[in-house]
Amino acid sequence: MVQTGMPSRRPRWPVPPSLLIGVAPLVAFAAVSAWRARPSDDYPSLGLTVDSVVRALVVPEGIAALALAVVVTALGWWRIATVDSTRGRPRWTWTAPALIAVVCLARLPLVDWTALPWHYFVLLGVGVLFVGVFEELLTRGVLLVGLRRRLPEFGVWIASCVLFGLLHLLNALAGAGIGPTLIQVVFAASFGSTLYVARRLTGNLLLPVLLHAVWDFGSIAVSATSRQGFDDIAVAGALGLFAFAVLALGVVAGGLVAWRDDRPWRLRRRWRGVPTNDTTDPDTDSDSDTDEAPAGHREPVPGRNDLRSRTDTPTGSPG
């Protein structure tokens, strides 16, 4: 006998679709990168010549950025993937991205601008800009949207930085040494925290994209035109040590910004355990996947700083 009048329950995914969608481009990129890297010994020669810049940066990164843009457009995620409704605090955390910008600018005088033709630097600029757009939209954009559906912002910060760092393990397939690769993983995860801070403080992806592109430009151009003089090596080493110190500051700043953003979420979770005075439906799913307070329960803290968007609608846009 079929009972009528009972509220129907919509079956829920064990993992929110938006979380799967947010992680899927990262997995696809890792798979393609592993296939391209083969194993080989191409990594030490990356970006040293015009041909290498075109084959390893401009063409593949341009295609990847275009493909990801098509995916984001189809999902309707452009605004939530590139813009935060509120900016992070405290203001002193601006120090981390500002000092990274100083390091990027300080490396430019180490480039021998006469060692390679002028169009090399133009193509390198285009290539690293494609890298910045693609990787930031991927990890500080689409991935953040998916992670925010399930995790508090502090967890989003940790997961996005760790996954960004782990992507660089693929460099070992292209010929990078295991030791330098592991150092690069830690370095990239820390750099990802600084880029996360840049997004949270500005409220959009523009500054992270520019910082990422200028950082890569300096790294590749210095390697391609290095004169191996004692003075250049000493200055580059000093800048490297300073950069590690700045990135450590970026980790602290990123964790603090994410933790402060989670305060409304933490208080809501604390209050949700308090029973209400109103009669509630015994069939109500207490383990609901939403962040709404129970019926008749007043929200104790405004949710304006909660960055987690409900994106499991058919179009992928916020509910």
Protein backbone atom coordinates (compact mmCIF):
# COMPACT_ATOMS: atom_id res chain seq x y z
CA MET A 1 0.00 0.00 0.00
CA VAL A 2 1.36 3.36 -1.04
CA GLN A 3 1.19 6.05 1.62
CA THR A 4 0.17 9.50 0.52
CA GLY A 5 0.75 12.87 2.07
CA MET A 6 4.28 12.00 3.14
CA PRO A 7 6.97 14.47 2.10
CA SER A 8 9.10 13.11 -0.70
CA ARG A 9 12.83 13.16 -0.34
CA ARG A 10 15.07 13.92 -3.25
CA PRO A 11 17.99 11.47 -3.37
CA ARG A 12 21.29 13.16 -2.61
CA TRP A 13 24.63 12.51 -4.15
CA PRO A 14 27.22 11.14 -1.74
CA VAL A 15 29.48 13.91 -3.11
CA PRO A 16 27.93 17.21 -4.27
CA PRO A 17 27.98 17.50 -8.07
CA SER A 18 29.63 20.91 -7.88
CA LEU A 19 32.53 19.43 -5.91
CA LEU A 20 33.02 16.79 -8.61
CA ILE A 21 32.81 19.45 -11.31
CA GLY A 22 35.27 21.67 -9.46
CA VAL A 23 37.86 18.90 -9.18
CA ALA A 24 37.28 17.37 -12.64
CA PRO A 25 39.24 20.00 -14.66
CA LEU A 26 42.17 19.61 -12.27
CA VAL A 27 42.19 15.83 -12.75
CA ALA A 28 41.89 16.21 -16.53
CA PHE A 29 44.76 18.70 -16.59
CA ALA A 30 46.94 16.37 -14.50
CA ALA A 31 46.20 13.47 -16.84
CA VAL A 32 47.02 15.48 -19.97
CA SER A 33 50.18 16.87 -18.36
CA ALA A 34 51.32 13.37 -17.41
CA TRP A 35 50.72 12.20 -20.98
CA ARG A 36 52.65 15.15 -22.43
CA ALA A 37 55.54 14.73 -19.96
CA ARG A 38 55.92 11.00 -20.91
CA PRO A 39 58.89 10.33 -19.09
CA SER A 40 61.51 12.49 -20.79
CA ASP A 41 64.33 14.90 -20.04
CA ASP A 42 62.77 18.03 -21.55
CA TYR A 43 62.30 19.98 -18.31
CA PRO A 44 65.82 21.50 -18.08
CA SER A 45 65.39 23.03 -21.57
CA LEU A 46 61.91 24.50 -20.95
CA GLY A 47 61.71 28.08 -22.21
CA LEU A 48 65.38 28.40 -23.19
CA THR A 49 64.67 29.02 -26.89
CA VAL A 50 61.96 30.61 -28.99
CA ASP A 51 60.87 27.21 -30.26
CA SER A 52 60.62 25.84 -26.72
CA VAL A 53 58.52 28.79 -25.57
CA VAL A 54 56.09 28.29 -28.44
CA ARG A 55 55.84 24.50 -28.09
CA ALA A 56 55.83 24.25 -24.29
CA LEU A 57 53.98 27.44 -23.27
CA VAL A 58 52.17 29.48 -25.90
CA VAL A 59 50.39 26.70 -27.80
CA PRO A 60 49.47 24.20 -25.05
CA GLU A 61 48.67 26.79 -22.38
CA GLY A 62 46.64 28.86 -24.83
CA ILE A 63 44.58 25.80 -25.78
CA ALA A 64 44.14 24.86 -22.12
CA ALA A 65 43.00 28.37 -21.18
CA LEU A 66 40.50 28.43 -24.05
CA ALA A 67 39.14 24.97 -23.16
CA LEU A 68 38.71 25.93 -19.51
CA ALA A 69 36.97 29.15 -20.51
CA VAL A 70 34.47 27.10 -22.53
CA VAL A 71 33.83 24.85 -19.52
CA VAL A 72 33.31 27.79 -17.16
CA THR A 73 30.95 29.44 -19.66
CA ALA A 74 28.91 26.24 -20.02
CA LEU A 75 28.62 25.93 -16.23
CA GLY A 76 27.68 29.57 -15.77
CA TRP A 77 30.41 29.89 -13.13
CA TRP A 78 32.24 32.98 -14.39
CA ARG A 79 31.16 35.28 -11.59
CA ILE A 80 31.48 32.87 -8.68
CA ALA A 81 34.78 31.52 -10.02
CA THR A 82 36.40 34.92 -10.50
CA VAL A 83 34.74 37.25 -7.98
CA ASP A 84 34.32 37.04 -4.20
CA SER A 85 31.37 38.93 -2.73
CA THR A 86 33.42 40.12 0.26
CA ARG A 87 37.09 40.91 0.66
CA GLY A 88 39.32 39.26 3.21
CA ARG A 89 40.90 40.79 6.29
CA PRO A 90 43.06 41.82 8.13
CA ARG A 91 44.69 44.47 5.98
CA TRP A 92 48.26 43.66 7.02
CA THR A 93 48.05 40.46 4.98
CA TRP A 94 48.53 42.71 1.92
CA THR A 95 52.21 42.47 2.87
CA ALA A 96 52.50 38.95 1.40
CA PRO A 97 51.42 39.67 -2.22
CA ALA A 98 53.14 43.07 -2.11
CA LEU A 99 56.50 41.52 -1.21
CA ILE A 100 56.06 38.85 -3.88
CA ALA A 101 55.61 41.66 -6.39
CA VAL A 102 58.85 43.21 -5.10
CA VAL A 103 60.69 39.91 -5.65
CA CYS A 104 59.30 39.64 -9.19
CA LEU A 105 60.45 43.16 -10.07
CA ALA A 106 63.85 42.69 -8.41
CA ARG A 107 64.60 39.71 -10.68
CA LEU A 108 64.05 41.62 -13.92
CA PRO A 109 67.45 43.40 -13.81
CA LEU A 110 69.07 39.93 -13.70
CA VAL A 111 67.71 39.19 -17.18
CA ASP A 112 70.16 39.71 -20.03
CA TRP A 113 67.80 41.36 -22.48
CA THR A 114 70.36 41.19 -25.30
CA ALA A 115 71.04 37.45 -25.06
CA LEU A 116 67.95 36.47 -27.06
CA PRO A 117 65.91 38.15 -29.82
CA TRP A 118 63.19 40.59 -28.78
CA HIS A 119 60.37 38.35 -30.00
CA TYR A 120 61.51 35.68 -27.51
CA PHE A 121 60.51 37.94 -24.63
CA VAL A 122 57.22 38.87 -26.33
CA LEU A 123 56.31 35.22 -26.82
CA LEU A 124 57.42 34.39 -23.28
CA GLY A 125 55.16 37.17 -21.96
CA VAL A 126 52.21 35.76 -23.90
CA GLY A 127 52.97 32.22 -22.76
CA VAL A 128 53.22 33.03 -19.05
CA LEU A 129 50.06 35.12 -19.28
CA PHE A 130 48.25 32.06 -20.63
CA VAL A 131 49.74 30.06 -17.75
CA GLY A 132 48.51 32.62 -15.22
CA VAL A 133 45.01 32.75 -16.65
CA PHE A 134 44.64 28.99 -16.93
CA GLU A 135 46.16 27.92 -13.63
CA GLU A 136 44.49 30.65 -11.57
CA LEU A 137 41.08 30.07 -13.13
CA LEU A 138 41.62 26.35 -12.54
CA THR A 139 42.89 26.36 -8.93
CA ARG A 140 41.83 29.71 -7.46
CA GLY A 141 38.63 29.74 -9.51
CA VAL A 142 36.77 26.56 -10.49
CA LEU A 143 38.40 24.45 -7.78
CA LEU A 144 37.45 26.97 -5.07
CA VAL A 145 33.83 26.92 -6.19
CA GLY A 146 33.68 23.14 -5.92
CA LEU A 147 35.51 22.98 -2.58
CA ARG A 148 33.33 25.68 -1.03
CA ARG A 149 30.28 23.50 -1.61
CA ARG A 150 31.54 20.99 0.94
CA LEU A 151 34.32 22.55 3.04
CA PRO A 152 34.61 25.59 5.28
CA GLU A 153 36.90 28.28 3.90
CA PHE A 154 39.87 27.13 5.99
CA GLY A 155 39.57 23.67 4.42
CA VAL A 156 39.19 25.27 0.99
CA TRP A 157 42.44 27.17 1.53
CA ILE A 158 44.34 24.04 2.60
CA ALA A 159 42.97 21.79 -0.15
CA SER A 160 43.52 24.31 -2.96
CA CYS A 161 47.11 25.02 -1.90
CA VAL A 162 48.00 21.34 -1.44
CA LEU A 163 46.48 20.32 -4.79
CA PHE A 164 48.25 23.18 -6.56
CA GLY A 165 51.54 22.03 -5.06
CA LEU A 166 50.99 18.38 -5.91
CA LEU A 167 50.42 19.25 -9.58
CA HIS A 168 54.11 20.11 -9.77
CA LEU A 169 55.06 16.50 -9.03
CA LEU A 170 54.48 15.94 -12.74
CA ASN A 171 57.71 17.84 -13.44
CA ALA A 172 59.58 14.73 -12.35
CA LEU A 173 58.21 12.93 -15.42
CA ALA A 174 59.65 15.65 -17.65
CA GLY A 175 63.16 15.21 -16.30
CA ALA A 176 63.33 17.29 -13.11
CA GLY A 177 65.20 15.70 -10.21
CA ILE A 178 63.18 14.21 -7.35
CA GLY A 179 64.76 16.48 -4.75
CA PRO A 180 64.22 19.73 -6.69
CA THR A 181 60.70 18.56 -7.58
CA LEU A 182 59.75 18.05 -3.92
CA ILE A 183 61.12 21.49 -3.08
CA GLN A 184 59.09 22.93 -5.95
CA VAL A 185 55.93 21.22 -4.62
CA VAL A 186 56.38 22.91 -1.24
CA PHE A 187 57.26 26.19 -2.93
CA ALA A 188 54.21 26.04 -5.22
CA ALA A 189 51.83 25.23 -2.35
CA SER A 190 53.18 28.21 -0.40
CA PHE A 191 52.96 30.42 -3.49
CA GLY A 192 49.37 29.23 -3.93
CA SER A 193 48.58 30.53 -0.44
CA THR A 194 49.90 33.97 -1.37
CA LEU A 195 47.83 33.93 -4.56
CA TYR A 196 44.79 32.90 -2.50
CA VAL A 197 45.41 35.92 -0.27
CA ALA A 198 45.62 38.13 -3.36
CA ARG A 199 42.21 36.90 -4.52
CA ARG A 200 40.61 37.29 -1.10
CA LEU A 201 41.97 40.80 -0.56
CA THR A 202 41.06 42.16 -4.01
CA GLY A 203 37.87 40.14 -4.46
CA ASN A 204 38.82 38.90 -7.95
CA LEU A 205 41.39 36.90 -9.93
CA LEU A 206 43.17 39.74 -11.74
CA LEU A 207 46.00 40.25 -9.23
CA PRO A 208 46.68 36.50 -8.79
CA VAL A 209 46.88 36.10 -12.59
CA LEU A 210 49.36 38.98 -12.94
CA LEU A 211 51.52 37.87 -10.01
CA HIS A 212 51.62 34.32 -11.36
CA ALA A 213 52.55 35.48 -14.87
CA VAL A 214 55.27 37.93 -13.76
CA TRP A 215 56.76 35.34 -11.40
CA ASP A 216 57.02 32.74 -14.19
CA PHE A 217 58.39 35.33 -16.63
CA GLY A 218 61.24 36.24 -14.30
CA SER A 219 62.04 32.61 -13.44
CA ILE A 220 62.23 31.46 -17.06
CA ALA A 221 63.92 34.57 -18.47
CA VAL A 222 66.65 34.54 -15.82
CA SER A 223 67.33 30.84 -16.45
CA ALA A 224 67.44 31.35 -20.23
CA THR A 225 69.81 34.33 -20.16
CA SER A 226 71.86 33.66 -17.02
CA ARG A 227 75.46 34.81 -17.39
CA GLN A 228 76.56 32.61 -14.46
CA GLY A 229 78.57 35.46 -12.98
CA PHE A 230 79.33 35.46 -9.28
CA ASP A 231 77.39 38.67 -8.67
CA ASP A 232 74.31 37.37 -10.51
CA ILE A 233 74.38 34.06 -8.65
CA ALA A 234 74.75 35.83 -5.30
CA VAL A 235 71.86 38.21 -6.00
CA ALA A 236 69.65 35.38 -7.29
CA GLY A 237 70.43 33.30 -4.19
CA ALA A 238 69.62 36.18 -1.86
CA LEU A 239 66.34 36.79 -3.69
CA GLY A 240 65.53 33.08 -3.44
CA LEU A 241 66.01 33.05 0.33
CA PHE A 242 63.96 36.22 0.69
CA ALA A 243 61.24 34.69 -1.49
CA PHE A 244 61.01 31.64 0.79
CA ALA A 245 60.59 33.94 3.79
CA VAL A 246 57.86 35.88 1.98
CA LEU A 247 56.06 32.67 1.01
CA ALA A 248 56.13 31.54 4.65
CA LEU A 249 54.42 34.83 5.47
CA GLY A 250 51.92 34.07 2.71
CA VAL A 251 51.03 30.75 4.36
CA VAL A 252 50.34 32.50 7.67
CA ALA A 253 48.34 35.23 5.95
CA GLY A 254 46.27 32.76 3.90
CA GLY A 255 45.40 30.65 6.93
CA LEU A 256 44.39 33.71 8.94
CA VAL A 257 42.21 35.17 6.17
CA ALA A 258 40.42 31.83 5.67
CA TRP A 259 39.98 31.28 9.42
CA ARG A 260 38.44 34.74 9.93
CA ASP A 261 36.06 34.17 7.02
CA ASP A 262 34.82 31.00 8.73
CA ARG A 263 33.68 32.71 11.93
CA PRO A 264 29.97 32.98 10.86
CA TRP A 265 30.05 29.34 9.74
CA ARG A 266 31.57 28.17 13.03
CA LEU A 267 28.97 30.05 15.06
CA ARG A 268 26.12 28.68 12.97
CA ARG A 269 27.38 25.16 13.54
CA ARG A 270 27.56 25.83 17.27
CA TRP A 271 24.00 27.15 17.42
CA ARG A 272 22.53 24.39 15.26
CA GLY A 273 22.91 21.96 18.16
CA VAL A 274 20.55 24.01 20.39
CA PRO A 275 16.97 22.64 20.31
CA THR A 276 14.28 25.05 19.18
CA ASN A 277 10.99 25.81 20.93
CA ASP A 278 8.96 25.16 17.81
CA THR A 279 7.58 21.76 16.86
CA THR A 280 9.70 20.31 14.09
CA ASP A 281 8.89 17.62 11.60
CA PRO A 282 10.37 14.32 12.86
CA ASP A 283 11.03 13.35 9.25
CA THR A 284 13.26 16.37 8.72
CA ASP A 285 16.69 15.32 7.57
CA SER A 286 18.98 16.57 10.33
CA ASP A 287 22.03 15.77 8.24
CA SER A 288 20.98 18.10 5.48
CA ASP A 289 23.64 19.16 3.01
CA THR A 290 22.60 22.81 3.25
CA ASP A 291 23.80 25.42 5.71
CA GLU A 292 20.38 26.78 6.67
CA ALA A 293 19.33 26.95 10.31
CA PRO A 294 16.39 24.79 11.48
CA ALA A 295 12.85 26.07 10.96
CA GLY A 296 11.84 28.72 13.47
CA HIS A 297 15.45 29.24 14.52
CA ARG A 298 16.84 32.74 14.14
CA GLU A 299 20.21 33.00 12.44
CA PRO A 300 22.59 34.24 15.15
CA VAL A 301 25.22 35.59 12.78
CA PRO A 302 24.70 37.19 9.37
CA GLY A 303 25.96 34.95 6.59
CA ARG A 304 27.36 37.71 4.40
CA ASN A 305 30.93 36.54 4.90
CA ASP A 306 30.19 32.89 4.13
CA LEU A 307 31.77 32.32 0.72
CA ARG A 308 30.35 28.87 0.13
CA SER A 309 27.89 29.07 -2.79
CA ARG A 310 25.15 26.56 -3.52
CA THR A 311 26.09 25.49 -7.01
CA ASP A 312 24.33 22.16 -7.42
CA THR A 313 21.60 23.60 -9.63
CA PRO A 314 21.13 22.27 -13.18
CA THR A 315 23.07 25.18 -14.68
CA GLY A 316 25.72 25.22 -12.01
CA SER A 317 24.90 28.78 -11.00
CA PRO A 318 24.30 29.74 -7.34
CA GLY A 319 20.92 28.73 -6.03
